[in-house]
Amino acid sequence: NIPSKNIYTYETYDQIADNPDIDVVYIVL
C-alpha cells in the first residue's frame, strides 16, 4: 500500500528530500 508519490527511481532519488513521509533511507544496494 505504497502511494505513487513515495516511489522513486535512482534518477529521482534526491527528490526524497521533499517527502515528509520518509524519515530514514535503508541502503540495500
PDB file of all heavy atoms in Angstrom:
ATOM      1  N   ASN A   1       0.830  -1.217   0.000  1.00  0.00           N
ATOM      2  CA  ASN A   1       0.000   0.000   0.000  1.00  0.00           C
ATOM      3  C   ASN A   1       0.860   1.261   0.000  1.00  0.00           C
ATOM      4  O   ASN A   1       0.667   2.184   0.805  1.00  0.00           O
ATOM      5  CB  ASN A   1      -0.941  -0.003   1.215  1.00  0.00           C
ATOM      6  CG  ASN A   1      -2.049   1.023   1.096  1.00  0.00           C
ATOM      7  OD1 ASN A   1      -2.483   1.357  -0.009  1.00  0.00           O
ATOM      8  ND2 ASN A   1      -2.508   1.540   2.233  1.00  0.00           N
ATOM      9  N   ILE A   2       1.818   1.297  -0.902  1.00  0.00           N
ATOM     10  CA  ILE A   2       2.726   2.442  -1.017  1.00  0.00           C
ATOM     11  C   ILE A   2       2.199   3.392  -2.091  1.00  0.00           C
ATOM     12  O   ILE A   2       2.040   2.986  -3.251  1.00  0.00           O
ATOM     13  CB  ILE A   2       4.149   1.980  -1.382  1.00  0.00           C
ATOM     14  CG1 ILE A   2       4.681   1.034  -0.302  1.00  0.00           C
ATOM     15  CG2 ILE A   2       5.086   3.177  -1.544  1.00  0.00           C
ATOM     16  CD1 ILE A   2       6.001   0.384  -0.654  1.00  0.00           C
ATOM     17  N   PRO A   3       1.929   4.648  -1.749  1.00  0.00           N
ATOM     18  CA  PRO A   3       1.408   5.589  -2.753  1.00  0.00           C
ATOM     19  C   PRO A   3       2.472   5.926  -3.797  1.00  0.00           C
ATOM     20  O   PRO A   3       3.672   5.872  -3.521  1.00  0.00           O
ATOM     21  CB  PRO A   3       1.025   6.812  -1.927  1.00  0.00           C
ATOM     22  CG  PRO A   3       1.878   6.717  -0.697  1.00  0.00           C
ATOM     23  CD  PRO A   3       2.047   5.255  -0.416  1.00  0.00           C
ATOM     24  N   SER A   4       2.032   6.288  -4.971  1.00  0.00           N
ATOM     25  CA  SER A   4       2.959   6.558  -6.076  1.00  0.00           C
ATOM     26  C   SER A   4       3.920   7.687  -5.752  1.00  0.00           C
ATOM     27  O   SER A   4       5.067   7.699  -6.227  1.00  0.00           O
ATOM     28  CB  SER A   4       2.166   6.891  -7.347  1.00  0.00           C
ATOM     29  OG  SER A   4       1.319   8.009  -7.135  1.00  0.00           O
ATOM     30  N   LYS A   5       3.500   8.649  -4.920  1.00  0.00           N
ATOM     31  CA  LYS A   5       4.378   9.766  -4.576  1.00  0.00           C
ATOM     32  C   LYS A   5       5.566   9.323  -3.721  1.00  0.00           C
ATOM     33  O   LYS A   5       6.532  10.078  -3.558  1.00  0.00           O
ATOM     34  CB  LYS A   5       3.598  10.864  -3.858  1.00  0.00           C
ATOM     35  CG  LYS A   5       3.099  10.501  -2.464  1.00  0.00           C
ATOM     36  CD  LYS A   5       2.280  11.625  -1.856  1.00  0.00           C
ATOM     37  CE  LYS A   5       1.792  11.302  -0.452  1.00  0.00           C
ATOM     38  NZ  LYS A   5       2.912  11.187   0.502  1.00  0.00           N
ATOM     39  N   ASN A   6       5.505   8.119  -3.165  1.00  0.00           N
ATOM     40  CA  ASN A   6       6.586   7.600  -2.318  1.00  0.00           C
ATOM     41  C   ASN A   6       7.430   6.553  -3.035  1.00  0.00           C
ATOM     42  O   ASN A   6       8.202   5.843  -2.403  1.00  0.00           O
ATOM     43  CB  ASN A   6       6.013   6.991  -1.035  1.00  0.00           C
ATOM     44  CG  ASN A   6       5.411   8.030  -0.108  1.00  0.00           C
ATOM     45  OD1 ASN A   6       5.385   9.219  -0.435  1.00  0.00           O
ATOM     46  ND2 ASN A   6       4.930   7.597   1.040  1.00  0.00           N
ATOM     47  N   ILE A   7       7.278   6.479  -4.350  1.00  0.00           N
ATOM     48  CA  ILE A   7       8.050   5.537  -5.158  1.00  0.00           C
ATOM     49  C   ILE A   7       9.029   6.319  -6.020  1.00  0.00           C
ATOM     50  O   ILE A   7       8.635   7.215  -6.772  1.00  0.00           O
ATOM     51  CB  ILE A   7       7.124   4.676  -6.032  1.00  0.00           C
ATOM     52  CG1 ILE A   7       6.191   3.844  -5.136  1.00  0.00           C
ATOM     53  CG2 ILE A   7       7.947   3.767  -6.943  1.00  0.00           C
ATOM     54  CD1 ILE A   7       5.158   3.049  -5.907  1.00  0.00           C
ATOM     55  N   TYR A   8      10.321   5.956  -5.918  1.00  0.00           N
ATOM     56  CA  TYR A   8      11.372   6.692  -6.607  1.00  0.00           C
ATOM     57  C   TYR A   8      12.231   5.747  -7.432  1.00  0.00           C
ATOM     58  O   TYR A   8      12.345   4.558  -7.144  1.00  0.00           O
ATOM     59  CB  TYR A   8      12.264   7.426  -5.594  1.00  0.00           C
ATOM     60  CG  TYR A   8      11.538   8.450  -4.762  1.00  0.00           C
ATOM     61  CD1 TYR A   8      10.878   8.080  -3.587  1.00  0.00           C
ATOM     62  CD2 TYR A   8      11.490   9.783  -5.155  1.00  0.00           C
ATOM     63  CE1 TYR A   8      10.196   9.023  -2.819  1.00  0.00           C
ATOM     64  CE2 TYR A   8      10.810  10.729  -4.388  1.00  0.00           C
ATOM     65  CZ  TYR A   8      10.169  10.339  -3.229  1.00  0.00           C
ATOM     66  OH  TYR A   8       9.495  11.279  -2.476  1.00  0.00           O
ATOM     67  N   THR A   9      12.858   6.314  -8.453  1.00  0.00           N
ATOM     68  CA  THR A   9      13.887   5.610  -9.208  1.00  0.00           C
ATOM     69  C   THR A   9      15.238   6.116  -8.714  1.00  0.00           C
ATOM     70  O   THR A   9      15.312   7.061  -7.921  1.00  0.00           O
ATOM     71  CB  THR A   9      13.758   5.880 -10.708  1.00  0.00           C
ATOM     72  OG1 THR A   9      14.047   7.273 -10.958  1.00  0.00           O
ATOM     73  CG2 THR A   9      12.355   5.553 -11.210  1.00  0.00           C
ATOM     74  N   TYR A  10      16.319   5.532  -9.208  1.00  0.00           N
ATOM     75  CA  TYR A  10      17.641   6.006  -8.797  1.00  0.00           C
ATOM     76  C   TYR A  10      17.918   7.398  -9.341  1.00  0.00           C
ATOM     77  O   TYR A  10      18.690   8.159  -8.755  1.00  0.00           O
ATOM     78  CB  TYR A  10      18.710   5.005  -9.256  1.00  0.00           C
ATOM     79  CG  TYR A  10      18.502   3.635  -8.645  1.00  0.00           C
ATOM     80  CD1 TYR A  10      18.357   2.508  -9.434  1.00  0.00           C
ATOM     81  CD2 TYR A  10      18.422   3.482  -7.263  1.00  0.00           C
ATOM     82  CE1 TYR A  10      18.137   1.258  -8.882  1.00  0.00           C
ATOM     83  CE2 TYR A  10      18.203   2.240  -6.695  1.00  0.00           C
ATOM     84  CZ  TYR A  10      18.058   1.127  -7.510  1.00  0.00           C
ATOM     85  OH  TYR A  10      17.834  -0.098  -6.944  1.00  0.00           O
ATOM     86  N   GLU A  11      17.246   7.751 -10.437  1.00  0.00           N
ATOM     87  CA  GLU A  11      17.418   9.092 -11.003  1.00  0.00           C
ATOM     88  C   GLU A  11      16.648  10.141 -10.196  1.00  0.00           C
ATOM     89  O   GLU A  11      17.083  11.293 -10.079  1.00  0.00           O
ATOM     90  CB  GLU A  11      16.949   9.111 -12.463  1.00  0.00           C
ATOM     91  CG  GLU A  11      17.842   8.346 -13.426  1.00  0.00           C
ATOM     92  CD  GLU A  11      17.718   6.834 -13.281  1.00  0.00           C
ATOM     93  OE1 GLU A  11      16.656   6.359 -12.820  1.00  0.00           O
ATOM     94  OE2 GLU A  11      18.694   6.120 -13.604  1.00  0.00           O
ATOM     95  N   THR A  12      15.498   9.774  -9.638  1.00  0.00           N
ATOM     96  CA  THR A  12      14.678  10.727  -8.890  1.00  0.00           C
ATOM     97  C   THR A  12      14.907  10.635  -7.378  1.00  0.00           C
ATOM     98  O   THR A  12      14.217  11.308  -6.606  1.00  0.00           O
ATOM     99  CB  THR A  12      13.179  10.501  -9.174  1.00  0.00           C
ATOM    100  OG1 THR A  12      12.798   9.186  -8.721  1.00  0.00           O
ATOM    101  CG2 THR A  12      12.892  10.634 -10.656  1.00  0.00           C
ATOM    102  N   TYR A  13      15.851   9.822  -6.971  1.00  0.00           N
ATOM    103  CA  TYR A  13      16.129   9.551  -5.553  1.00  0.00           C
ATOM    104  C   TYR A  13      16.290  10.824  -4.714  1.00  0.00           C
ATOM    105  O   TYR A  13      15.760  10.920  -3.604  1.00  0.00           O
ATOM    106  CB  TYR A  13      17.388   8.694  -5.470  1.00  0.00           C
ATOM    107  CG  TYR A  13      17.922   8.405  -4.081  1.00  0.00           C
ATOM    108  CD1 TYR A  13      17.142   7.794  -3.109  1.00  0.00           C
ATOM    109  CD2 TYR A  13      19.251   8.713  -3.760  1.00  0.00           C
ATOM    110  CE1 TYR A  13      17.649   7.504  -1.853  1.00  0.00           C
ATOM    111  CE2 TYR A  13      19.767   8.417  -2.512  1.00  0.00           C
ATOM    112  CZ  TYR A  13      18.965   7.809  -1.560  1.00  0.00           C
ATOM    113  OH  TYR A  13      19.485   7.516  -0.321  1.00  0.00           O
ATOM    114  N   ASP A  14      16.972  11.822  -5.247  1.00  0.00           N
ATOM    115  CA  ASP A  14      17.243  13.037  -4.471  1.00  0.00           C
ATOM    116  C   ASP A  14      15.978  13.812  -4.134  1.00  0.00           C
ATOM    117  O   ASP A  14      15.949  14.589  -3.173  1.00  0.00           O
ATOM    118  CB  ASP A  14      18.214  13.939  -5.240  1.00  0.00           C
ATOM    119  CG  ASP A  14      19.503  13.219  -5.591  1.00  0.00           C
ATOM    120  OD1 ASP A  14      20.274  12.923  -4.666  1.00  0.00           O
ATOM    121  OD2 ASP A  14      19.709  12.907  -6.772  1.00  0.00           O
ATOM    122  N   GLN A  15      14.901  13.585  -4.896  1.00  0.00           N
ATOM    123  CA  GLN A  15      13.642  14.277  -4.626  1.00  0.00           C
ATOM    124  C   GLN A  15      12.979  13.791  -3.338  1.00  0.00           C
ATOM    125  O   GLN A  15      12.002  14.379  -2.865  1.00  0.00           O
ATOM    126  CB  GLN A  15      12.682  14.080  -5.810  1.00  0.00           C
ATOM    127  CG  GLN A  15      13.183  14.709  -7.095  1.00  0.00           C
ATOM    128  CD  GLN A  15      12.301  14.376  -8.292  1.00  0.00           C
ATOM    129  OE1 GLN A  15      11.154  13.953  -8.130  1.00  0.00           O
ATOM    130  NE2 GLN A  15      12.836  14.545  -9.500  1.00  0.00           N
ATOM    131  N   ILE A  16      13.526  12.743  -2.752  1.00  0.00           N
ATOM    132  CA  ILE A  16      13.021  12.224  -1.485  1.00  0.00           C
ATOM    133  C   ILE A  16      13.126  13.278  -0.380  1.00  0.00           C
ATOM    134  O   ILE A  16      12.446  13.203   0.643  1.00  0.00           O
ATOM    135  CB  ILE A  16      13.801  10.935  -1.118  1.00  0.00           C
ATOM    136  CG1 ILE A  16      12.940   9.979  -0.304  1.00  0.00           C
ATOM    137  CG2 ILE A  16      15.107  11.241  -0.414  1.00  0.00           C
ATOM    138  CD1 ILE A  16      13.531   8.578  -0.208  1.00  0.00           C
ATOM    139  N   ALA A  17      13.973  14.263  -0.617  1.00  0.00           N
ATOM    140  CA  ALA A  17      14.153  15.360   0.347  1.00  0.00           C
ATOM    141  C   ALA A  17      12.846  16.088   0.623  1.00  0.00           C
ATOM    142  O   ALA A  17      12.644  16.650   1.718  1.00  0.00           O
ATOM    143  CB  ALA A  17      15.195  16.342  -0.171  1.00  0.00           C
ATOM    144  N   ASP A  18      11.940  16.096  -0.350  1.00  0.00           N
ATOM    145  CA  ASP A  18      10.691  16.843  -0.224  1.00  0.00           C
ATOM    146  C   ASP A  18       9.555  16.005   0.337  1.00  0.00           C
ATOM    147  O   ASP A  18       8.409  16.468   0.376  1.00  0.00           O
ATOM    148  CB  ASP A  18      10.279  17.389  -1.600  1.00  0.00           C
ATOM    149  CG  ASP A  18      11.350  18.279  -2.214  1.00  0.00           C
ATOM    150  OD1 ASP A  18      11.948  19.071  -1.458  1.00  0.00           O
ATOM    151  OD2 ASP A  18      11.603  18.157  -3.429  1.00  0.00           O
ATOM    152  N   ASN A  19       9.863  14.788   0.781  1.00  0.00           N
ATOM    153  CA  ASN A  19       8.806  13.878   1.208  1.00  0.00           C
ATOM    154  C   ASN A  19       8.819  13.678   2.727  1.00  0.00           C
ATOM    155  O   ASN A  19       9.677  12.971   3.261  1.00  0.00           O
ATOM    156  CB  ASN A  19       8.965  12.530   0.504  1.00  0.00           C
ATOM    157  CG  ASN A  19       7.730  11.658   0.635  1.00  0.00           C
ATOM    158  OD1 ASN A  19       7.002  11.738   1.612  1.00  0.00           O
ATOM    159  ND2 ASN A  19       7.504  10.818  -0.361  1.00  0.00           N
ATOM    160  N   PRO A  20       7.880  14.247   3.453  1.00  0.00           N
ATOM    161  CA  PRO A  20       7.848  14.109   4.912  1.00  0.00           C
ATOM    162  C   PRO A  20       7.427  12.722   5.390  1.00  0.00           C
ATOM    163  O   PRO A  20       7.554  12.410   6.577  1.00  0.00           O
ATOM    164  CB  PRO A  20       6.825  15.169   5.345  1.00  0.00           C
ATOM    165  CG  PRO A  20       5.917  15.307   4.161  1.00  0.00           C
ATOM    166  CD  PRO A  20       6.790  15.125   2.962  1.00  0.00           C
ATOM    167  N   ASP A  21       6.930  11.882   4.480  1.00  0.00           N
ATOM    168  CA  ASP A  21       6.538  10.522   4.862  1.00  0.00           C
ATOM    169  C   ASP A  21       7.752   9.639   5.134  1.00  0.00           C
ATOM    170  O   ASP A  21       7.630   8.581   5.747  1.00  0.00           O
ATOM    171  CB  ASP A  21       5.709   9.861   3.756  1.00  0.00           C
ATOM    172  CG  ASP A  21       4.355  10.510   3.563  1.00  0.00           C
ATOM    173  OD1 ASP A  21       3.939  11.280   4.456  1.00  0.00           O
ATOM    174  OD2 ASP A  21       3.711  10.254   2.528  1.00  0.00           O
ATOM    175  N   ILE A  22       8.914  10.073   4.641  1.00  0.00           N
ATOM    176  CA  ILE A  22      10.129   9.259   4.735  1.00  0.00           C
ATOM    177  C   ILE A  22      11.134   9.939   5.646  1.00  0.00           C
ATOM    178  O   ILE A  22      11.584  11.054   5.387  1.00  0.00           O
ATOM    179  CB  ILE A  22      10.727   9.016   3.336  1.00  0.00           C
ATOM    180  CG1 ILE A  22       9.731   8.217   2.488  1.00  0.00           C
ATOM    181  CG2 ILE A  22      12.068   8.284   3.435  1.00  0.00           C
ATOM    182  CD1 ILE A  22      10.083   8.144   1.016  1.00  0.00           C
ATOM    183  N   ASP A  23      11.462   9.256   6.727  1.00  0.00           N
ATOM    184  CA  ASP A  23      12.429   9.774   7.702  1.00  0.00           C
ATOM    185  C   ASP A  23      13.793   9.112   7.563  1.00  0.00           C
ATOM    186  O   ASP A  23      14.819   9.720   7.890  1.00  0.00           O
ATOM    187  CB  ASP A  23      11.924   9.524   9.130  1.00  0.00           C
ATOM    188  CG  ASP A  23      10.547  10.118   9.380  1.00  0.00           C
ATOM    189  OD1 ASP A  23      10.457  11.349   9.463  1.00  0.00           O
ATOM    190  OD2 ASP A  23       9.578   9.339   9.469  1.00  0.00           O
ATOM    191  N   VAL A  24      13.795   7.859   7.103  1.00  0.00           N
ATOM    192  CA  VAL A  24      15.012   7.048   7.044  1.00  0.00           C
ATOM    193  C   VAL A  24      15.097   6.356   5.694  1.00  0.00           C
ATOM    194  O   VAL A  24      14.087   5.835   5.190  1.00  0.00           O
ATOM    195  CB  VAL A  24      15.001   5.968   8.155  1.00  0.00           C
ATOM    196  CG1 VAL A  24      16.299   5.159   8.135  1.00  0.00           C
ATOM    197  CG2 VAL A  24      14.764   6.576   9.527  1.00  0.00           C
ATOM    198  N   VAL A  25      16.278   6.338   5.103  1.00  0.00           N
ATOM    199  CA  VAL A  25      16.507   5.517   3.915  1.00  0.00           C
ATOM    200  C   VAL A  25      17.402   4.349   4.313  1.00  0.00           C
ATOM    201  O   VAL A  25      18.376   4.524   5.040  1.00  0.00           O
ATOM    202  CB  VAL A  25      17.138   6.322   2.752  1.00  0.00           C
ATOM    203  CG1 VAL A  25      16.138   7.321   2.200  1.00  0.00           C
ATOM    204  CG2 VAL A  25      18.417   7.027   3.172  1.00  0.00           C
ATOM    205  N   TYR A  26      17.035   3.164   3.870  1.00  0.00           N
ATOM    206  CA  TYR A  26      17.812   1.961   4.161  1.00  0.00           C
ATOM    207  C   TYR A  26      18.457   1.516   2.851  1.00  0.00           C
ATOM    208  O   TYR A  26      17.775   1.091   1.927  1.00  0.00           O
ATOM    209  CB  TYR A  26      16.895   0.869   4.725  1.00  0.00           C
ATOM    210  CG  TYR A  26      17.625  -0.281   5.399  1.00  0.00           C
ATOM    211  CD1 TYR A  26      17.076  -0.907   6.503  1.00  0.00           C
ATOM    212  CD2 TYR A  26      18.841  -0.769   4.924  1.00  0.00           C
ATOM    213  CE1 TYR A  26      17.722  -1.968   7.141  1.00  0.00           C
ATOM    214  CE2 TYR A  26      19.498  -1.816   5.549  1.00  0.00           C
ATOM    215  CZ  TYR A  26      18.923  -2.423   6.650  1.00  0.00           C
ATOM    216  OH  TYR A  26      19.578  -3.474   7.261  1.00  0.00           O
ATOM    217  N   ILE A  27      19.784   1.638   2.782  1.00  0.00           N
ATOM    218  CA  ILE A  27      20.522   1.337   1.553  1.00  0.00           C
ATOM    219  C   ILE A  27      20.767  -0.168   1.465  1.00  0.00           C
ATOM    220  O   ILE A  27      21.517  -0.733   2.253  1.00  0.00           O
ATOM    221  CB  ILE A  27      21.860   2.100   1.517  1.00  0.00           C
ATOM    222  CG1 ILE A  27      21.655   3.580   1.872  1.00  0.00           C
ATOM    223  CG2 ILE A  27      22.521   1.934   0.155  1.00  0.00           C
ATOM    224  CD1 ILE A  27      20.694   4.317   0.981  1.00  0.00           C
ATOM    225  N   VAL A  28      20.134  -0.810   0.475  1.00  0.00           N
ATOM    226  CA  VAL A  28      20.226  -2.264   0.319  1.00  0.00           C
ATOM    227  C   VAL A  28      20.688  -2.570  -1.104  1.00  0.00           C
ATOM    228  O   VAL A  28      20.101  -3.387  -1.812  1.00  0.00           O
ATOM    229  CB  VAL A  28      18.872  -2.938   0.616  1.00  0.00           C
ATOM    230  CG1 VAL A  28      19.086  -4.392   1.057  1.00  0.00           C
ATOM    231  CG2 VAL A  28      18.090  -2.205   1.699  1.00  0.00           C
ATOM    232  N   LEU A  29      21.750  -1.894  -1.500  1.00  0.00           N
ATOM    233  CA  LEU A  29      22.301  -1.998  -2.855  1.00  0.00           C
ATOM    234  C   LEU A  29      23.618  -2.765  -2.824  1.00  0.00           C
ATOM    235  O   LEU A  29      24.176  -3.017  -1.751  1.00  0.00           O
ATOM    236  CB  LEU A  29      22.538  -0.585  -3.404  1.00  0.00           C
ATOM    237  CG  LEU A  29      21.294   0.275  -3.605  1.00  0.00           C
ATOM    238  CD1 LEU A  29      21.688   1.736  -3.793  1.00  0.00           C
ATOM    239  CD2 LEU A  29      20.490  -0.218  -4.798  1.00  0.00           C
TER     240      LEU A  29
END
